[in-house]
Amino acid sequence: MCCCRGKIVCYPGEIEGLREQQRLRDEIEDATWGKLRALASEYRLDTALDLA
């Protein structure tokens, strides 16, 4: 990535690669969401948290 006077110049596919890295780093996996839903249901919080 090259930065020229405040503007970023990217090669083809670089933005997509950076977005994929961000998604992998920041998003919660489906298995984790399942565990959170089960735990919320166990404590009867699923409807209050809109996880039902």
PDB file of N, CA and C in Angstrom:
ATOM      1  N   MET A   1       0.849  -1.174   0.000  1.00  0.00           N
ATOM      2  CA  MET A   1       0.000   0.000   0.000  1.00  0.00           C
ATOM      3  C   MET A   1       0.893   1.236   0.000  1.00  0.00           C
ATOM      4  N   CYS A   2       0.572   2.161  -0.850  1.00  0.00           N
ATOM      5  CA  CYS A   2       1.338   3.398  -0.970  1.00  0.00           C
ATOM      6  C   CYS A   2       0.449   4.570  -0.585  1.00  0.00           C
ATOM      7  N   CYS A   3       0.973   5.466   0.177  1.00  0.00           N
ATOM      8  CA  CYS A   3       0.221   6.643   0.591  1.00  0.00           C
ATOM      9  C   CYS A   3       0.858   7.871  -0.054  1.00  0.00           C
ATOM     10  N   CYS A   4       0.089   8.531  -0.903  1.00  0.00           N
ATOM     11  CA  CYS A   4       0.595   9.706  -1.607  1.00  0.00           C
ATOM     12  C   CYS A   4      -0.258  10.920  -1.255  1.00  0.00           C
ATOM     13  N   ARG A   5       0.311  11.816  -0.504  1.00  0.00           N
ATOM     14  CA  ARG A   5      -0.385  13.049  -0.107  1.00  0.00           C
ATOM     15  C   ARG A   5      -1.779  12.792   0.464  1.00  0.00           C
ATOM     16  N   GLY A   6      -1.882  11.826   1.369  1.00  0.00           N
ATOM     17  CA  GLY A   6      -3.147  11.553   2.034  1.00  0.00           C
ATOM     18  C   GLY A   6      -4.054  10.593   1.300  1.00  0.00           C
ATOM     19  N   LYS A   7      -3.714  10.237   0.066  1.00  0.00           N
ATOM     20  CA  LYS A   7      -4.538   9.297  -0.691  1.00  0.00           C
ATOM     21  C   LYS A   7      -3.850   7.943  -0.704  1.00  0.00           C
ATOM     22  N   ILE A   8      -4.646   6.890  -0.597  1.00  0.00           N
ATOM     23  CA  ILE A   8      -4.097   5.541  -0.573  1.00  0.00           C
ATOM     24  C   ILE A   8      -4.240   4.933  -1.965  1.00  0.00           C
ATOM     25  N   VAL A   9      -3.163   4.373  -2.460  1.00  0.00           N
ATOM     26  CA  VAL A   9      -3.170   3.684  -3.745  1.00  0.00           C
ATOM     27  C   VAL A   9      -2.975   2.200  -3.466  1.00  0.00           C
ATOM     28  N   CYS A  10      -3.935   1.387  -3.909  1.00  0.00           N
ATOM     29  CA  CYS A  10      -3.895  -0.044  -3.638  1.00  0.00           C
ATOM     30  C   CYS A  10      -3.783  -0.811  -4.940  1.00  0.00           C
ATOM     31  N   TYR A  11      -3.173  -1.965  -4.876  1.00  0.00           N
ATOM     32  CA  TYR A  11      -3.116  -2.840  -6.040  1.00  0.00           C
ATOM     33  C   TYR A  11      -4.402  -3.651  -6.106  1.00  0.00           C
ATOM     34  N   PRO A  12      -4.751  -4.209  -7.262  1.00  0.00           N
ATOM     35  CA  PRO A  12      -5.998  -4.966  -7.389  1.00  0.00           C
ATOM     36  C   PRO A  12      -6.087  -6.104  -6.369  1.00  0.00           C
ATOM     37  N   GLY A  13      -7.235  -6.175  -5.694  1.00  0.00           N
ATOM     38  CA  GLY A  13      -7.480  -7.222  -4.712  1.00  0.00           C
ATOM     39  C   GLY A  13      -7.018  -6.888  -3.304  1.00  0.00           C
ATOM     40  N   GLU A  14      -6.257  -5.818  -3.139  1.00  0.00           N
ATOM     41  CA  GLU A  14      -5.727  -5.486  -1.814  1.00  0.00           C
ATOM     42  C   GLU A  14      -6.839  -5.078  -0.845  1.00  0.00           C
ATOM     43  N   ILE A  15      -7.778  -4.285  -1.296  1.00  0.00           N
ATOM     44  CA  ILE A  15      -8.863  -3.839  -0.421  1.00  0.00           C
ATOM     45  C   ILE A  15      -9.681  -5.035   0.050  1.00  0.00           C
ATOM     46  N   GLU A  16      -9.970  -5.959  -0.877  1.00  0.00           N
ATOM     47  CA  GLU A  16     -10.727  -7.151  -0.507  1.00  0.00           C
ATOM     48  C   GLU A  16      -9.973  -7.987   0.517  1.00  0.00           C
ATOM     49  N   GLY A  17      -8.675  -8.113   0.343  1.00  0.00           N
ATOM     50  CA  GLY A  17      -7.858  -8.859   1.294  1.00  0.00           C
ATOM     51  C   GLY A  17      -7.855  -8.219   2.666  1.00  0.00           C
ATOM     52  N   LEU A  18      -7.768  -6.894   2.698  1.00  0.00           N
ATOM     53  CA  LEU A  18      -7.789  -6.177   3.974  1.00  0.00           C
ATOM     54  C   LEU A  18      -9.136  -6.325   4.664  1.00  0.00           C
ATOM     55  N   ARG A  19     -10.220  -6.270   3.873  1.00  0.00           N
ATOM     56  CA  ARG A  19     -11.559  -6.446   4.458  1.00  0.00           C
ATOM     57  C   ARG A  19     -11.739  -7.849   5.009  1.00  0.00           C
ATOM     58  N   GLU A  20     -11.228  -8.855   4.304  1.00  0.00           N
ATOM     59  CA  GLU A  20     -11.333 -10.230   4.793  1.00  0.00           C
ATOM     60  C   GLU A  20     -10.580 -10.391   6.110  1.00  0.00           C
ATOM     61  N   GLN A  21      -9.390  -9.812   6.196  1.00  0.00           N
ATOM     62  CA  GLN A  21      -8.624  -9.871   7.441  1.00  0.00           C
ATOM     63  C   GLN A  21      -9.392  -9.220   8.576  1.00  0.00           C
ATOM     64  N   GLN A  22     -10.036  -8.084   8.302  1.00  0.00           N
ATOM     65  CA  GLN A  22     -10.809  -7.383   9.325  1.00  0.00           C
ATOM     66  C   GLN A  22     -12.005  -8.229   9.764  1.00  0.00           C
ATOM     67  N   ARG A  23     -12.716  -8.843   8.801  1.00  0.00           N
ATOM     68  CA  ARG A  23     -13.860  -9.683   9.151  1.00  0.00           C
ATOM     69  C   ARG A  23     -13.434 -10.859  10.012  1.00  0.00           C
ATOM     70  N   LEU A  24     -12.337 -11.491   9.651  1.00  0.00           N
ATOM     71  CA  LEU A  24     -11.863 -12.626  10.433  1.00  0.00           C
ATOM     72  C   LEU A  24     -11.449 -12.213  11.839  1.00  0.00           C
ATOM     73  N   ARG A  25     -10.933 -11.005  11.972  1.00  0.00           N
ATOM     74  CA  ARG A  25     -10.467 -10.513  13.264  1.00  0.00           C
ATOM     75  C   ARG A  25     -11.628 -10.023  14.121  1.00  0.00           C
ATOM     76  N   ASP A  26     -12.621  -9.386  13.501  1.00  0.00           N
ATOM     77  CA  ASP A  26     -13.641  -8.670  14.264  1.00  0.00           C
ATOM     78  C   ASP A  26     -14.984  -9.368  14.397  1.00  0.00           C
ATOM     79  N   GLU A  27     -15.337 -10.249  13.487  1.00  0.00           N
ATOM     80  CA  GLU A  27     -16.663 -10.850  13.521  1.00  0.00           C
ATOM     81  C   GLU A  27     -16.709 -12.062  14.445  1.00  0.00           C
ATOM     82  N   ILE A  28     -17.873 -12.300  14.978  1.00  0.00           N
ATOM     83  CA  ILE A  28     -18.087 -13.448  15.852  1.00  0.00           C
ATOM     84  C   ILE A  28     -18.540 -14.619  14.983  1.00  0.00           C
ATOM     85  N   GLU A  29     -17.933 -15.767  15.162  1.00  0.00           N
ATOM     86  CA  GLU A  29     -18.265 -16.954  14.384  1.00  0.00           C
ATOM     87  C   GLU A  29     -19.637 -17.493  14.757  1.00  0.00           C
ATOM     88  N   ASP A  30     -20.249 -18.236  13.837  1.00  0.00           N
ATOM     89  CA  ASP A  30     -21.577 -18.815  14.071  1.00  0.00           C
ATOM     90  C   ASP A  30     -21.594 -19.731  15.292  1.00  0.00           C
ATOM     91  N   ALA A  31     -20.537 -20.509  15.477  1.00  0.00           N
ATOM     92  CA  ALA A  31     -20.483 -21.415  16.633  1.00  0.00           C
ATOM     93  C   ALA A  31     -20.507 -20.623  17.936  1.00  0.00           C
ATOM     94  N   THR A  32     -19.817 -19.504  17.954  1.00  0.00           N
ATOM     95  CA  THR A  32     -19.792 -18.660  19.151  1.00  0.00           C
ATOM     96  C   THR A  32     -21.167 -18.055  19.401  1.00  0.00           C
ATOM     97  N   TRP A  33     -21.845 -17.589  18.322  1.00  0.00           N
ATOM     98  CA  TRP A  33     -23.192 -17.053  18.481  1.00  0.00           C
ATOM     99  C   TRP A  33     -24.122 -18.121  19.038  1.00  0.00           C
ATOM    100  N   GLY A  34     -23.968 -19.358  18.580  1.00  0.00           N
ATOM    101  CA  GLY A  34     -24.796 -20.452  19.086  1.00  0.00           C
ATOM    102  C   GLY A  34     -24.610 -20.660  20.570  1.00  0.00           C
ATOM    103  N   LYS A  35     -23.378 -20.609  21.017  1.00  0.00           N
ATOM    104  CA  LYS A  35     -23.093 -20.762  22.451  1.00  0.00           C
ATOM    105  C   LYS A  35     -23.674 -19.600  23.249  1.00  0.00           C
ATOM    106  N   LEU A  36     -23.582 -18.383  22.703  1.00  0.00           N
ATOM    107  CA  LEU A  36     -24.139 -17.222  23.393  1.00  0.00           C
ATOM    108  C   LEU A  36     -25.660 -17.309  23.481  1.00  0.00           C
ATOM    109  N   ARG A  37     -26.292 -17.756  22.390  1.00  0.00           N
ATOM    110  CA  ARG A  37     -27.755 -17.919  22.413  1.00  0.00           C
ATOM    111  C   ARG A  37     -28.175 -18.967  23.440  1.00  0.00           C
ATOM    112  N   ALA A  38     -27.446 -20.086  23.484  1.00  0.00           N
ATOM    113  CA  ALA A  38     -27.768 -21.143  24.439  1.00  0.00           C
ATOM    114  C   ALA A  38     -27.619 -20.645  25.871  1.00  0.00           C
ATOM    115  N   LEU A  39     -26.573 -19.905  26.136  1.00  0.00           N
ATOM    116  CA  LEU A  39     -26.350 -19.368  27.475  1.00  0.00           C
ATOM    117  C   LEU A  39     -27.434 -18.360  27.845  1.00  0.00           C
ATOM    118  N   ALA A  40     -27.802 -17.498  26.906  1.00  0.00           N
ATOM    119  CA  ALA A  40     -28.866 -16.525  27.162  1.00  0.00           C
ATOM    120  C   ALA A  40     -30.186 -17.239  27.429  1.00  0.00           C
ATOM    121  N   SER A  41     -30.444 -18.308  26.682  1.00  0.00           N
ATOM    122  CA  SER A  41     -31.664 -19.075  26.887  1.00  0.00           C
ATOM    123  C   SER A  41     -31.664 -19.747  28.257  1.00  0.00           C
ATOM    124  N   GLU A  42     -30.524 -20.253  28.662  1.00  0.00           N
ATOM    125  CA  GLU A  42     -30.394 -20.906  29.964  1.00  0.00           C
ATOM    126  C   GLU A  42     -30.747 -19.941  31.094  1.00  0.00           C
ATOM    127  N   TYR A  43     -30.376 -18.690  30.942  1.00  0.00           N
ATOM    128  CA  TYR A  43     -30.667 -17.679  31.967  1.00  0.00           C
ATOM    129  C   TYR A  43     -31.944 -16.895  31.660  1.00  0.00           C
ATOM    130  N   ARG A  44     -32.704 -17.390  30.673  1.00  0.00           N
ATOM    131  CA  ARG A  44     -33.968 -16.769  30.259  1.00  0.00           C
ATOM    132  C   ARG A  44     -33.804 -15.314  29.852  1.00  0.00           C
ATOM    133  N   LEU A  45     -32.731 -15.038  29.147  1.00  0.00           N
ATOM    134  CA  LEU A  45     -32.479 -13.686  28.670  1.00  0.00           C
ATOM    135  C   LEU A  45     -32.618 -13.571  27.166  1.00  0.00           C
ATOM    136  N   ASP A  46     -32.916 -14.687  26.495  1.00  0.00           N
ATOM    137  CA  ASP A  46     -32.942 -14.696  25.042  1.00  0.00           C
ATOM    138  C   ASP A  46     -33.979 -13.739  24.455  1.00  0.00           C
ATOM    139  N   THR A  47     -35.175 -13.663  25.044  1.00  0.00           N
ATOM    140  CA  THR A  47     -36.182 -12.725  24.514  1.00  0.00           C
ATOM    141  C   THR A  47     -35.832 -11.291  24.850  1.00  0.00           C
ATOM    142  N   ALA A  48     -35.298 -11.053  26.035  1.00  0.00           N
ATOM    143  CA  ALA A  48     -34.925  -9.690  26.425  1.00  0.00           C
ATOM    144  C   ALA A  48     -33.789  -9.154  25.551  1.00  0.00           C
ATOM    145  N   LEU A  49     -32.916 -10.070  25.110  1.00  0.00           N
ATOM    146  CA  LEU A  49     -31.778  -9.667  24.285  1.00  0.00           C
ATOM    147  C   LEU A  49     -32.061  -9.858  22.792  1.00  0.00           C
ATOM    148  N   ASP A  50     -33.303 -10.237  22.462  1.00  0.00           N
ATOM    149  CA  ASP A  50     -33.712 -10.457  21.073  1.00  0.00           C
ATOM    150  C   ASP A  50     -32.835 -11.494  20.379  1.00  0.00           C
ATOM    151  N   LEU A  51     -32.568 -12.600  21.078  1.00  0.00           N
ATOM    152  CA  LEU A  51     -31.762 -13.678  20.528  1.00  0.00           C
ATOM    153  C   LEU A  51     -32.592 -14.915  20.224  1.00  0.00           C
ATOM    154  N   ALA A  52     -33.880 -14.846  20.471  1.00  0.00           N
ATOM    155  CA  ALA A  52     -34.738 -16.020  20.272  1.00  0.00           C
ATOM    156  C   ALA A  52     -34.976 -16.310  18.810  1.00  0.00           C
TER     157      ALA A  52
END
